[in-house]
């Protein structure tokens, strides 16, 4: 079992930045690829970014590429999402997830409860 707890969400103006963090506990964090998903009101949950177990490979949705950066610290059991140049379309609940492959179509066995990000225009 892996427990995931997100933090760092909040309200920010368009053009601003936020940094989300996800703390993991339980089984060895470094066993898992990690990802961030998001779900906006009335929309399906979508992949935002993923990172491999060793942190060497990262993947991004086209909508966030160049603005968001995913990183991980296996010594601290954390994964982060630095979000820059935020716009109102980024408003969503952001979820941290753990799985075997950090790509959009992969299965993720563990999910956090989510943290709300609201971007005002």
N, C-alpha and C. Protein backbone atom coordinates (compact mmCIF):
# COMPACT_ATOMS: atom_id res chain seq x y z
N UNK A 1 0.83 -1.19 0.00
CA UNK A 1 0.00 0.00 0.00
C UNK A 1 0.86 1.25 0.00
N UNK A 2 0.40 2.25 -0.71
CA UNK A 2 1.06 3.56 -0.74
C UNK A 2 0.01 4.60 -0.43
N UNK A 3 0.31 5.47 0.51
CA UNK A 3 -0.58 6.59 0.82
C UNK A 3 0.01 7.86 0.23
N UNK A 4 -0.82 8.63 -0.42
CA UNK A 4 -0.37 9.85 -1.09
C UNK A 4 -1.18 11.03 -0.55
N UNK A 5 -0.48 12.09 -0.21
CA UNK A 5 -1.13 13.29 0.32
C UNK A 5 -0.61 14.51 -0.43
N UNK A 6 -1.51 15.19 -1.12
CA UNK A 6 -1.14 16.38 -1.87
C UNK A 6 -1.26 17.63 -1.00
N UNK A 7 -0.48 18.63 -1.38
CA UNK A 7 -0.57 19.94 -0.73
C UNK A 7 -0.10 21.01 -1.70
N UNK A 8 -0.36 22.25 -1.36
CA UNK A 8 0.14 23.36 -2.16
C UNK A 8 -0.87 24.04 -3.06
N UNK A 9 -2.08 23.51 -3.11
CA UNK A 9 -3.09 24.15 -3.94
C UNK A 9 -3.53 25.48 -3.35
N UNK A 10 -4.31 26.22 -4.13
CA UNK A 10 -4.81 27.50 -3.65
C UNK A 10 -5.35 28.34 -4.77
N UNK A 11 -5.54 29.62 -4.45
CA UNK A 11 -6.06 30.59 -5.42
C UNK A 11 -4.91 31.46 -5.90
N UNK A 12 -4.81 31.62 -7.20
CA UNK A 12 -3.73 32.43 -7.78
C UNK A 12 -4.29 33.19 -8.98
N UNK A 13 -3.72 34.33 -9.25
CA UNK A 13 -4.13 35.11 -10.41
C UNK A 13 -3.50 34.56 -11.68
N UNK A 14 -4.16 34.80 -12.79
CA UNK A 14 -3.61 34.38 -14.07
C UNK A 14 -2.20 34.95 -14.25
N UNK A 15 -1.33 34.10 -14.75
CA UNK A 15 0.07 34.47 -14.91
C UNK A 15 0.94 34.12 -13.73
N UNK A 16 0.33 33.73 -12.64
CA UNK A 16 1.07 33.39 -11.44
C UNK A 16 1.57 31.96 -11.42
N UNK A 17 2.13 31.58 -10.29
CA UNK A 17 2.74 30.25 -10.13
C UNK A 17 2.27 29.59 -8.85
N UNK A 18 2.28 28.29 -8.86
CA UNK A 18 2.04 27.48 -7.67
C UNK A 18 2.93 26.26 -7.74
N UNK A 19 3.25 25.74 -6.58
CA UNK A 19 4.02 24.49 -6.51
C UNK A 19 3.25 23.49 -5.69
N UNK A 20 2.87 22.39 -6.32
CA UNK A 20 2.18 21.32 -5.63
C UNK A 20 3.18 20.27 -5.16
N UNK A 21 2.89 19.69 -4.02
CA UNK A 21 3.72 18.62 -3.50
C UNK A 21 2.86 17.41 -3.16
N UNK A 22 3.45 16.25 -3.24
CA UNK A 22 2.77 15.01 -2.90
C UNK A 22 3.73 14.20 -2.04
N UNK A 23 3.31 13.92 -0.82
CA UNK A 23 4.12 13.12 0.10
C UNK A 23 3.60 11.70 0.10
N UNK A 24 4.52 10.75 -0.02
CA UNK A 24 4.17 9.34 -0.09
C UNK A 24 4.65 8.61 1.15
N UNK A 25 3.85 7.68 1.60
CA UNK A 25 4.24 6.81 2.71
C UNK A 25 3.80 5.40 2.38
N UNK A 26 4.41 4.44 3.06
CA UNK A 26 4.07 3.05 2.79
C UNK A 26 5.21 2.36 2.08
N UNK A 27 4.88 1.64 1.03
CA UNK A 27 5.89 0.88 0.30
C UNK A 27 6.92 1.80 -0.34
N UNK A 28 8.04 1.25 -0.71
CA UNK A 28 9.17 2.00 -1.24
C UNK A 28 8.73 2.93 -2.37
N UNK A 29 8.89 4.20 -2.13
CA UNK A 29 8.46 5.22 -3.08
C UNK A 29 9.16 5.06 -4.42
N UNK A 30 10.44 4.71 -4.37
CA UNK A 30 11.21 4.64 -5.61
C UNK A 30 10.80 3.48 -6.51
N UNK A 31 9.94 2.58 -6.04
CA UNK A 31 9.43 1.50 -6.87
C UNK A 31 8.46 2.01 -7.92
N UNK A 32 7.90 3.19 -7.69
CA UNK A 32 6.77 3.65 -8.48
C UNK A 32 7.11 4.84 -9.36
N UNK A 33 6.59 4.77 -10.58
CA UNK A 33 6.50 5.97 -11.38
C UNK A 33 5.38 6.83 -10.80
N UNK A 34 5.50 8.13 -10.98
CA UNK A 34 4.54 9.04 -10.38
C UNK A 34 3.95 9.96 -11.45
N UNK A 35 2.77 10.44 -11.19
CA UNK A 35 2.12 11.33 -12.15
C UNK A 35 1.20 12.30 -11.43
N UNK A 36 0.92 13.38 -12.12
CA UNK A 36 -0.11 14.33 -11.69
C UNK A 36 -1.22 14.32 -12.72
N UNK A 37 -2.43 14.19 -12.24
CA UNK A 37 -3.63 14.31 -13.06
C UNK A 37 -4.42 15.51 -12.56
N UNK A 38 -5.36 15.95 -13.37
CA UNK A 38 -6.24 17.02 -12.93
C UNK A 38 -7.63 16.80 -13.48
N UNK A 39 -8.60 17.33 -12.74
CA UNK A 39 -9.99 17.22 -13.16
C UNK A 39 -10.70 18.54 -12.91
N UNK A 40 -11.13 19.14 -13.99
CA UNK A 40 -11.87 20.39 -13.91
C UNK A 40 -13.36 20.09 -13.75
N UNK A 41 -14.13 21.02 -13.20
CA UNK A 41 -15.57 20.79 -13.01
C UNK A 41 -16.25 20.43 -14.32
N UNK A 42 -16.99 19.33 -14.29
CA UNK A 42 -17.73 18.92 -15.46
C UNK A 42 -16.91 18.25 -16.54
N UNK A 43 -15.64 18.00 -16.26
CA UNK A 43 -14.77 17.37 -17.25
C UNK A 43 -14.18 16.10 -16.70
N UNK A 44 -13.67 15.26 -17.60
CA UNK A 44 -13.02 14.04 -17.18
C UNK A 44 -11.62 14.35 -16.64
N UNK A 45 -11.16 13.45 -15.79
CA UNK A 45 -9.80 13.58 -15.27
C UNK A 45 -8.81 13.39 -16.41
N UNK A 46 -7.76 14.22 -16.43
CA UNK A 46 -6.78 14.15 -17.49
C UNK A 46 -5.36 14.14 -16.93
N UNK A 47 -4.49 13.49 -17.67
CA UNK A 47 -3.08 13.42 -17.32
C UNK A 47 -2.45 14.79 -17.53
N UNK A 48 -1.62 15.21 -16.56
CA UNK A 48 -0.90 16.48 -16.70
C UNK A 48 0.60 16.24 -16.89
N UNK A 49 1.19 15.41 -16.02
CA UNK A 49 2.63 15.18 -16.08
C UNK A 49 2.98 13.87 -15.40
N UNK A 50 4.06 13.23 -15.84
CA UNK A 50 4.51 11.99 -15.24
C UNK A 50 6.02 11.95 -15.16
N UNK A 51 6.55 11.15 -14.23
CA UNK A 51 7.99 11.05 -14.05
C UNK A 51 8.35 9.60 -13.73
N UNK A 52 9.43 9.14 -14.30
CA UNK A 52 9.86 7.76 -14.11
C UNK A 52 10.38 7.54 -12.69
N UNK A 53 10.62 6.28 -12.38
CA UNK A 53 11.03 5.93 -11.01
C UNK A 53 12.32 6.61 -10.59
N UNK A 54 13.26 6.73 -11.53
CA UNK A 54 14.53 7.34 -11.19
C UNK A 54 14.56 8.84 -11.48
N UNK A 55 13.48 9.37 -11.99
CA UNK A 55 13.39 10.79 -12.27
C UNK A 55 14.02 11.24 -13.57
N UNK A 56 14.55 10.30 -14.35
CA UNK A 56 15.27 10.68 -15.56
C UNK A 56 14.34 11.02 -16.73
N UNK A 57 13.17 10.44 -16.71
CA UNK A 57 12.25 10.65 -17.84
C UNK A 57 10.97 11.32 -17.36
N UNK A 58 10.56 12.33 -18.08
CA UNK A 58 9.34 13.06 -17.75
C UNK A 58 8.43 13.14 -18.97
N UNK A 59 7.16 13.27 -18.71
CA UNK A 59 6.15 13.31 -19.76
C UNK A 59 5.15 14.40 -19.39
N UNK A 60 4.68 15.11 -20.41
CA UNK A 60 3.75 16.21 -20.18
C UNK A 60 2.63 16.20 -21.19
N UNK A 61 1.46 16.60 -20.74
CA UNK A 61 0.37 16.87 -21.67
C UNK A 61 0.72 18.12 -22.47
N UNK A 62 0.26 18.17 -23.70
CA UNK A 62 0.56 19.33 -24.55
C UNK A 62 0.07 20.62 -23.90
N UNK A 63 -1.02 20.54 -23.17
CA UNK A 63 -1.61 21.75 -22.58
C UNK A 63 -0.75 22.38 -21.48
N UNK A 64 0.19 21.61 -20.93
CA UNK A 64 1.00 22.14 -19.84
C UNK A 64 2.48 22.20 -20.19
N UNK A 65 2.85 21.63 -21.31
CA UNK A 65 4.26 21.55 -21.70
C UNK A 65 4.86 22.95 -21.79
N UNK A 66 6.03 23.11 -21.19
CA UNK A 66 6.70 24.41 -21.19
C UNK A 66 6.29 25.30 -20.03
N UNK A 67 5.22 24.94 -19.34
CA UNK A 67 4.77 25.74 -18.18
C UNK A 67 4.89 24.98 -16.87
N UNK A 68 4.67 23.68 -16.92
CA UNK A 68 4.72 22.84 -15.72
C UNK A 68 5.99 22.01 -15.72
N UNK A 69 6.51 21.75 -14.52
CA UNK A 69 7.69 20.89 -14.37
C UNK A 69 7.45 19.91 -13.23
N UNK A 70 7.56 18.63 -13.54
CA UNK A 70 7.42 17.60 -12.51
C UNK A 70 8.81 17.18 -12.06
N UNK A 71 8.94 16.92 -10.76
CA UNK A 71 10.22 16.46 -10.20
C UNK A 71 9.93 15.55 -9.02
N UNK A 72 10.93 14.81 -8.61
CA UNK A 72 10.76 13.93 -7.45
C UNK A 72 12.03 13.89 -6.64
N UNK A 73 11.86 13.59 -5.37
CA UNK A 73 12.99 13.41 -4.46
C UNK A 73 12.77 12.07 -3.76
N UNK A 74 13.46 11.05 -4.22
CA UNK A 74 13.25 9.71 -3.66
C UNK A 74 13.75 9.60 -2.23
N UNK A 75 14.67 10.44 -1.84
CA UNK A 75 15.15 10.42 -0.46
C UNK A 75 14.09 10.97 0.50
N UNK A 76 13.26 11.86 0.01
CA UNK A 76 12.23 12.48 0.84
C UNK A 76 10.83 11.93 0.54
N UNK A 77 10.74 11.00 -0.40
CA UNK A 77 9.45 10.40 -0.76
C UNK A 77 8.44 11.45 -1.21
N UNK A 78 8.88 12.36 -2.04
CA UNK A 78 7.99 13.41 -2.51
C UNK A 78 8.07 13.57 -4.02
N UNK A 79 6.99 14.01 -4.60
CA UNK A 79 6.95 14.41 -6.00
C UNK A 79 6.28 15.78 -6.05
N UNK A 80 6.80 16.64 -6.91
CA UNK A 80 6.31 18.01 -6.97
C UNK A 80 5.89 18.38 -8.38
N UNK A 81 5.04 19.39 -8.46
CA UNK A 81 4.64 19.93 -9.75
C UNK A 81 4.74 21.45 -9.66
N UNK A 82 5.73 22.00 -10.32
CA UNK A 82 5.89 23.44 -10.41
C UNK A 82 5.05 23.94 -11.58
N UNK A 83 4.13 24.84 -11.29
CA UNK A 83 3.21 25.33 -12.32
C UNK A 83 3.42 26.83 -12.50
N UNK A 84 3.83 27.22 -13.67
CA UNK A 84 4.08 28.62 -14.00
C UNK A 84 3.11 29.09 -15.09
N UNK A 85 3.01 30.39 -15.23
CA UNK A 85 2.15 30.99 -16.27
C UNK A 85 0.76 30.38 -16.24
N UNK A 86 0.21 30.30 -15.07
CA UNK A 86 -1.11 29.68 -14.92
C UNK A 86 -2.20 30.52 -15.58
N UNK A 87 -3.18 29.85 -16.11
CA UNK A 87 -4.33 30.51 -16.71
C UNK A 87 -5.61 29.88 -16.18
N UNK A 88 -6.74 30.53 -16.36
CA UNK A 88 -8.00 30.00 -15.79
C UNK A 88 -8.33 28.58 -16.23
N UNK A 89 -7.84 28.17 -17.40
CA UNK A 89 -8.10 26.80 -17.87
C UNK A 89 -7.36 25.75 -17.04
N UNK A 90 -6.42 26.19 -16.22
CA UNK A 90 -5.70 25.26 -15.33
C UNK A 90 -6.46 25.00 -14.04
N UNK A 91 -7.56 25.70 -13.84
CA UNK A 91 -8.37 25.49 -12.64
C UNK A 91 -8.89 24.06 -12.60
N UNK A 92 -8.59 23.36 -11.52
CA UNK A 92 -8.97 21.94 -11.41
C UNK A 92 -8.55 21.42 -10.04
N UNK A 93 -9.03 20.23 -9.75
CA UNK A 93 -8.48 19.48 -8.62
C UNK A 93 -7.33 18.66 -9.16
N UNK A 94 -6.18 18.76 -8.51
CA UNK A 94 -4.98 18.06 -8.96
C UNK A 94 -4.72 16.85 -8.06
N UNK A 95 -4.47 15.72 -8.72
CA UNK A 95 -4.27 14.46 -8.03
C UNK A 95 -2.88 13.91 -8.31
N UNK A 96 -2.28 13.39 -7.27
CA UNK A 96 -1.03 12.66 -7.38
C UNK A 96 -1.36 11.17 -7.51
N UNK A 97 -0.62 10.45 -8.35
CA UNK A 97 -0.88 9.04 -8.56
C UNK A 97 0.43 8.26 -8.68
N UNK A 98 0.39 7.00 -8.26
CA UNK A 98 1.56 6.12 -8.32
C UNK A 98 1.24 4.90 -9.17
N UNK A 99 2.15 4.54 -10.06
CA UNK A 99 1.95 3.38 -10.92
C UNK A 99 3.27 2.85 -11.41
N UNK A 100 3.20 2.05 -12.46
CA UNK A 100 4.41 1.42 -12.98
C UNK A 100 5.01 2.21 -14.15
N UNK A 101 4.18 2.86 -14.93
CA UNK A 101 4.64 3.60 -16.11
C UNK A 101 4.02 4.99 -16.08
N UNK A 102 4.81 6.04 -16.18
CA UNK A 102 4.28 7.39 -15.96
C UNK A 102 3.71 8.07 -17.20
N UNK A 103 2.88 7.35 -17.93
CA UNK A 103 2.31 7.90 -19.15
C UNK A 103 0.80 7.96 -19.04
N UNK A 104 0.16 8.73 -19.93
CA UNK A 104 -1.27 8.99 -19.77
C UNK A 104 -2.16 7.74 -19.73
N UNK A 105 -1.89 6.76 -20.55
CA UNK A 105 -2.79 5.60 -20.65
C UNK A 105 -2.49 4.48 -19.69
N UNK A 106 -1.52 4.68 -18.81
CA UNK A 106 -1.12 3.61 -17.90
C UNK A 106 -2.08 3.50 -16.72
N UNK A 107 -1.98 2.38 -16.04
CA UNK A 107 -2.77 2.19 -14.83
C UNK A 107 -2.01 2.73 -13.63
N UNK A 108 -2.76 3.37 -12.75
CA UNK A 108 -2.18 3.89 -11.52
C UNK A 108 -2.92 3.26 -10.35
N UNK A 109 -2.16 2.59 -9.51
CA UNK A 109 -2.77 1.81 -8.43
C UNK A 109 -3.16 2.66 -7.22
N UNK A 110 -2.46 3.76 -7.04
CA UNK A 110 -2.69 4.57 -5.84
C UNK A 110 -2.91 6.03 -6.22
N UNK A 111 -3.85 6.63 -5.50
CA UNK A 111 -4.23 8.02 -5.76
C UNK A 111 -4.33 8.80 -4.45
N UNK A 112 -3.99 10.08 -4.54
CA UNK A 112 -4.22 10.95 -3.41
C UNK A 112 -5.64 11.48 -3.43
N UNK A 113 -5.95 12.31 -2.44
CA UNK A 113 -7.30 12.87 -2.31
C UNK A 113 -7.49 14.11 -3.17
N UNK A 114 -6.42 14.70 -3.61
CA UNK A 114 -6.52 15.87 -4.47
C UNK A 114 -6.33 17.18 -3.73
N UNK A 115 -5.88 18.19 -4.48
CA UNK A 115 -5.73 19.54 -3.96
C UNK A 115 -6.28 20.50 -5.01
N UNK A 116 -7.03 21.48 -4.56
CA UNK A 116 -7.72 22.39 -5.47
C UNK A 116 -6.81 23.52 -5.91
N UNK A 117 -6.79 23.76 -7.20
CA UNK A 117 -6.08 24.91 -7.79
C UNK A 117 -7.11 25.76 -8.52
N UNK A 118 -7.19 27.03 -8.15
CA UNK A 118 -8.11 27.95 -8.80
C UNK A 118 -7.32 29.14 -9.33
N UNK A 119 -7.48 29.40 -10.62
CA UNK A 119 -6.76 30.50 -11.27
C UNK A 119 -7.80 31.55 -11.68
N UNK A 120 -7.66 32.74 -11.13
CA UNK A 120 -8.61 33.80 -11.45
C UNK A 120 -8.08 34.65 -12.61
N UNK A 121 -9.02 35.16 -13.39
CA UNK A 121 -8.63 35.96 -14.56
C UNK A 121 -8.48 37.43 -14.20
